[in-house]
Amino acid sequence: MIVLKSDHEIDLMKKAGSITAKAHDAVKRYIKPGMSTLDLDKLVEDVILTNNATPAFKGYMGFPKSICSSINDEVVHGIPDKKTIINDGDIVSVDIGAFYDGYVGDQAKTYMVGNVSETAKKLVEVTRQSFFEGLKCVKEGYRISDISREIQNYAESHGFSLVRDYTGHGVGQEMHEDPAVPNYVGARKGPRLQKGMTIAIEPMVNEGTYDVHVLDNGWTVVTDDGKLSAHYEHSVAVTDGDPIILTLL
């Protein structure tokens, strides 16, 4: 069931989203070679707690940390730990969620650390822009599949592929609500967008094949061919005009 949000609820989601944005701002300022992914996790958790919010991921379905940190061929759901060190040339996808006053902000970005390859740079930039291509279709009367089509067409036009096994989603009082928001066009067109719908649009773009698998830890998703993957996400609200990005400073 799709839950439509009131203007007041959307304002609360903006507050939650601003906290995830503050956390990403901290990551942007401090991420560097030699840091562990656990260092990033502690940094983000401190920002969330300082802003009177709660890490949305910690404990969710048993996930042990406050962020997902996925490096290079890791797509999503990487678990931070002190042994995983960020190196020069890595791309690091950081997914952050924060609950504030009963509502969640959900946001992900991929960071380029040090001297990354031209392929990595292109992948990160295309992934980011594919989100904004999809955002053009976040208007009343459009379908979810219209968003998916714009994301897919843009990323594939640059020679990349879209992950099939994981999608964007509705967001609000729960971290994952209806509807699903795929990053590719499938058999279903999906529901029409209505004012008050709030969704997390999150392209997951791979350098090579779109096929992925989960590691033995039960969480970390990696590309089947070992090639790079990037992730970009904002929570957005459908209005009777232009969409609102909820996860901004």
Protein backbone atom coordinates (compact mmCIF):
# COMPACT_ATOMS: atom_id res chain seq x y z
CA MET A 1 0.00 0.00 0.00
CA ILE A 2 1.35 3.42 -0.99
CA VAL A 3 1.15 5.95 1.85
CA LEU A 4 0.62 9.55 0.72
CA LYS A 5 2.26 12.15 2.97
CA SER A 6 0.79 15.47 4.12
CA ASP A 7 2.72 18.72 3.78
CA HIS A 8 3.53 18.47 7.49
CA GLU A 9 4.90 14.96 7.09
CA ILE A 10 7.00 16.07 4.14
CA ASP A 11 8.43 18.86 6.29
CA LEU A 12 9.40 16.26 8.91
CA MET A 13 11.04 14.17 6.18
CA LYS A 14 13.03 17.23 5.10
CA LYS A 15 14.37 17.50 8.66
CA ALA A 16 15.36 13.82 8.65
CA GLY A 17 16.86 14.25 5.20
CA SER A 18 18.89 17.28 6.22
CA ILE A 19 20.58 15.13 8.86
CA THR A 20 21.65 12.53 6.30
CA ALA A 21 22.92 15.41 4.18
CA LYS A 22 24.96 16.73 7.11
CA ALA A 23 26.43 13.27 7.57
CA HIS A 24 27.36 13.09 3.88
CA ASP A 25 28.94 16.52 4.14
CA ALA A 26 31.13 15.17 6.94
CA VAL A 27 32.08 12.14 4.84
CA LYS A 28 33.00 14.40 1.92
CA ARG A 29 35.26 16.51 4.15
CA TYR A 30 37.02 13.69 5.98
CA ILE A 31 37.22 10.64 3.69
CA LYS A 32 40.82 9.93 2.69
CA PRO A 33 43.27 7.10 2.01
CA GLY A 34 44.25 5.23 5.17
CA MET A 35 40.88 5.54 6.89
CA SER A 36 38.99 2.41 7.76
CA THR A 37 35.34 2.03 6.87
CA LEU A 38 34.71 1.77 10.61
CA ASP A 39 36.14 5.29 10.95
CA LEU A 40 33.49 6.47 8.48
CA ASP A 41 30.79 4.63 10.38
CA LYS A 42 31.75 6.32 13.67
CA LEU A 43 31.92 9.72 11.97
CA VAL A 44 28.42 9.38 10.52
CA GLU A 45 26.91 7.94 13.70
CA ASP A 46 28.24 10.90 15.68
CA VAL A 47 26.64 13.37 13.26
CA ILE A 48 23.30 11.57 13.41
CA LEU A 49 23.24 11.31 17.20
CA THR A 50 24.41 14.92 17.66
CA ASN A 51 21.38 16.00 15.63
CA ASN A 52 18.97 14.10 17.91
CA ALA A 53 18.31 11.43 15.32
CA THR A 54 18.79 7.65 15.23
CA PRO A 55 20.82 5.64 12.68
CA ALA A 56 18.17 3.94 10.55
CA PHE A 57 20.34 1.08 9.37
CA LYS A 58 21.78 -0.05 12.69
CA GLY A 59 19.90 -3.16 13.75
CA TYR A 60 17.66 -3.14 10.65
CA MET A 61 17.06 -6.81 9.88
CA GLY A 62 20.20 -7.46 11.91
CA PHE A 63 22.52 -5.09 10.05
CA PRO A 64 25.32 -4.30 12.56
CA LYS A 65 26.45 -0.76 11.65
CA SER A 66 25.13 2.75 10.99
CA ILE A 67 26.19 3.04 7.35
CA CYS A 68 26.65 0.78 4.36
CA SER A 69 30.16 1.27 2.95
CA SER A 70 30.78 -0.45 -0.39
CA ILE A 71 34.15 -0.20 -2.12
CA ASN A 72 34.93 -0.65 -5.85
CA ASP A 73 33.16 -3.87 -6.96
CA GLU A 74 30.89 -3.83 -3.91
CA VAL A 75 27.46 -2.63 -4.99
CA VAL A 76 25.54 -2.07 -1.75
CA HIS A 77 25.28 -3.21 1.88
CA GLY A 78 28.99 -3.33 2.66
CA ILE A 79 29.60 -3.70 6.40
CA PRO A 80 32.09 -1.23 7.94
CA ASP A 81 34.98 -2.71 9.90
CA LYS A 82 38.40 -1.66 11.15
CA LYS A 83 40.26 -4.00 8.79
CA THR A 84 38.82 -2.54 5.60
CA ILE A 85 41.11 0.37 4.70
CA ILE A 86 40.25 2.94 2.03
CA ASN A 87 43.04 3.28 -0.52
CA ASP A 88 44.04 5.91 -3.02
CA GLY A 89 42.06 5.32 -6.22
CA ASP A 90 39.08 3.66 -4.53
CA ILE A 91 35.49 4.59 -5.11
CA VAL A 92 33.45 4.25 -1.92
CA SER A 93 29.65 4.14 -1.91
CA VAL A 94 28.27 5.38 1.41
CA ASP A 95 24.57 4.82 2.16
CA ILE A 96 23.14 6.68 5.17
CA GLY A 97 19.74 6.60 6.84
CA ALA A 98 18.51 8.64 9.81
CA PHE A 99 15.24 8.56 11.74
CA TYR A 100 14.06 11.90 13.11
CA ASP A 101 10.69 12.47 14.79
CA GLY A 102 9.29 9.27 13.31
CA TYR A 103 10.43 9.78 9.71
CA VAL A 104 13.47 8.62 7.80
CA GLY A 105 15.93 10.27 5.45
CA ASP A 106 17.73 7.90 3.07
CA GLN A 107 20.64 9.01 0.90
CA ALA A 108 23.68 7.49 -0.81
CA LYS A 109 26.67 8.86 -2.68
CA THR A 110 29.81 7.36 -4.19
CA TYR A 111 33.03 9.15 -3.25
CA MET A 112 36.17 9.19 -5.38
CA VAL A 113 39.22 8.91 -3.11
CA GLY A 114 42.49 10.29 -4.35
CA ASN A 115 43.57 9.54 -7.91
CA VAL A 116 40.81 7.41 -9.40
CA SER A 117 40.87 5.96 -12.91
CA GLU A 118 39.09 7.66 -15.78
CA THR A 119 36.66 4.73 -15.92
CA ALA A 120 35.83 5.11 -12.25
CA LYS A 121 35.36 8.85 -12.62
CA LYS A 122 33.02 8.40 -15.58
CA LEU A 123 31.04 5.71 -13.75
CA VAL A 124 30.51 7.89 -10.66
CA GLU A 125 29.51 10.91 -12.73
CA VAL A 126 27.11 8.93 -14.94
CA THR A 127 25.52 7.31 -11.89
CA ARG A 128 24.90 10.69 -10.30
CA GLN A 129 23.47 12.19 -13.48
CA SER A 130 21.24 9.17 -14.09
CA PHE A 131 19.44 10.07 -10.85
CA PHE A 132 18.78 13.57 -12.15
CA GLU A 133 17.57 12.19 -15.48
CA GLY A 134 15.05 10.08 -13.59
CA LEU A 135 14.08 13.03 -11.41
CA LYS A 136 12.73 14.81 -14.51
CA CYS A 137 9.84 12.31 -14.50
CA VAL A 138 8.89 12.78 -10.83
CA LYS A 139 5.65 14.56 -11.64
CA GLU A 140 1.99 13.81 -11.06
CA GLY A 141 0.58 11.51 -13.71
CA TYR A 142 3.88 9.96 -14.73
CA ARG A 143 4.54 6.31 -13.93
CA ILE A 144 7.36 4.73 -11.95
CA SER A 145 8.51 3.12 -15.20
CA ASP A 146 9.06 6.58 -16.70
CA ILE A 147 11.68 7.23 -13.99
CA SER A 148 13.21 3.80 -14.62
CA ARG A 149 13.39 4.40 -18.37
CA GLU A 150 15.27 7.68 -18.06
CA ILE A 151 17.78 6.19 -15.63
CA GLN A 152 18.36 3.12 -17.78
CA ASN A 153 18.61 4.99 -21.08
CA TYR A 154 21.13 7.46 -19.71
CA ALA A 155 23.40 4.92 -18.00
CA GLU A 156 23.31 2.43 -20.85
CA SER A 157 24.02 5.17 -23.41
CA HIS A 158 27.38 5.56 -21.65
CA GLY A 159 28.13 1.84 -21.83
CA PHE A 160 27.17 0.87 -18.27
CA SER A 161 24.53 -1.48 -16.85
CA LEU A 162 21.82 -1.20 -14.18
CA VAL A 163 21.55 -3.63 -11.28
CA ARG A 164 18.33 -5.66 -11.54
CA ASP A 165 18.25 -7.39 -8.17
CA TYR A 166 17.92 -4.25 -6.01
CA THR A 167 15.71 -1.21 -6.51
CA GLY A 168 14.68 2.11 -5.06
CA HIS A 169 11.58 2.21 -2.89
CA GLY A 170 8.98 4.23 -1.09
CA VAL A 171 10.17 5.91 2.11
CA GLY A 172 8.52 7.61 5.07
CA GLN A 173 7.80 6.27 8.54
CA GLU A 174 9.39 3.04 7.34
CA MET A 175 12.72 2.81 5.57
CA HIS A 176 11.23 0.63 2.85
CA GLU A 177 7.66 1.31 1.75
CA ASP A 178 5.72 0.76 -1.47
CA PRO A 179 6.25 1.26 -4.34
CA ALA A 180 9.42 -0.36 -5.66
CA VAL A 181 11.38 1.98 -7.94
CA PRO A 182 13.47 -0.11 -10.37
CA ASN A 183 16.37 1.40 -12.26
CA TYR A 184 15.46 -0.47 -15.45
CA VAL A 185 12.26 -1.00 -17.42
CA GLY A 186 10.60 -4.31 -16.66
CA ALA A 187 7.27 -5.88 -17.56
CA ARG A 188 5.30 -3.67 -15.17
CA LYS A 189 4.80 0.05 -15.64
CA GLY A 190 4.28 0.65 -11.93
CA PRO A 191 1.75 3.02 -10.34
CA ARG A 192 1.12 6.57 -11.45
CA LEU A 193 2.78 9.24 -9.32
CA GLN A 194 0.52 11.27 -7.03
CA LYS A 195 1.11 14.32 -4.88
CA GLY A 196 2.29 13.16 -1.46
CA MET A 197 4.21 10.10 -2.66
CA THR A 198 7.73 9.97 -1.23
CA ILE A 199 10.26 7.69 -2.89
CA ALA A 200 13.96 6.92 -2.71
CA ILE A 201 15.43 6.89 -6.21
CA GLU A 202 18.80 5.13 -6.19
CA PRO A 203 20.60 4.14 -9.37
CA MET A 204 23.09 1.31 -8.85
CA VAL A 205 25.26 1.32 -11.97
CA ASN A 206 27.88 -1.26 -12.90
CA GLU A 207 30.90 -0.92 -15.14
CA GLY A 208 30.31 -4.39 -16.60
CA THR A 209 27.56 -6.95 -16.16
CA TYR A 210 24.46 -6.15 -14.12
CA ASP A 211 24.67 -9.58 -12.46
CA VAL A 212 25.53 -9.51 -8.76
CA HIS A 213 25.76 -11.87 -5.80
CA VAL A 214 25.86 -11.67 -2.00
CA LEU A 215 29.03 -12.55 -0.09
CA ASP A 216 29.14 -15.10 2.69
CA ASN A 217 28.54 -12.42 5.33
CA GLY A 218 24.94 -12.36 4.12
CA TRP A 219 24.96 -8.64 3.33
CA THR A 220 27.60 -7.32 0.97
CA VAL A 221 26.50 -7.35 -2.67
CA VAL A 222 29.28 -7.49 -5.31
CA THR A 223 29.43 -7.53 -9.09
CA ASP A 224 29.77 -10.99 -10.63
CA ASP A 225 32.63 -9.90 -12.89
CA GLY A 226 34.59 -7.99 -10.23
CA LYS A 227 34.22 -4.70 -12.08
CA LEU A 228 33.30 -1.38 -10.47
CA SER A 229 29.88 -0.29 -9.21
CA ALA A 230 28.56 3.11 -8.11
CA HIS A 231 25.45 4.20 -6.17
CA TYR A 232 23.61 7.51 -5.89
CA GLU A 233 20.38 8.14 -3.98
CA HIS A 234 18.08 10.87 -2.73
CA SER A 235 14.66 10.70 -1.08
CA VAL A 236 12.19 12.83 -3.05
CA ALA A 237 8.58 13.96 -2.75
CA VAL A 238 6.00 14.22 -5.53
CA THR A 239 4.15 17.55 -5.56
CA ASP A 240 1.66 19.20 -7.91
CA GLY A 241 4.65 20.95 -9.47
CA ASP A 242 8.37 20.23 -9.36
CA PRO A 243 9.63 17.41 -7.13
CA ILE A 244 11.25 18.15 -3.77
CA ILE A 245 14.60 16.55 -2.94
CA LEU A 246 14.21 15.78 0.77
CA THR A 247 17.82 14.86 1.53
CA LEU A 248 19.53 18.22 1.21
CA LEU A 249 21.31 20.47 3.69
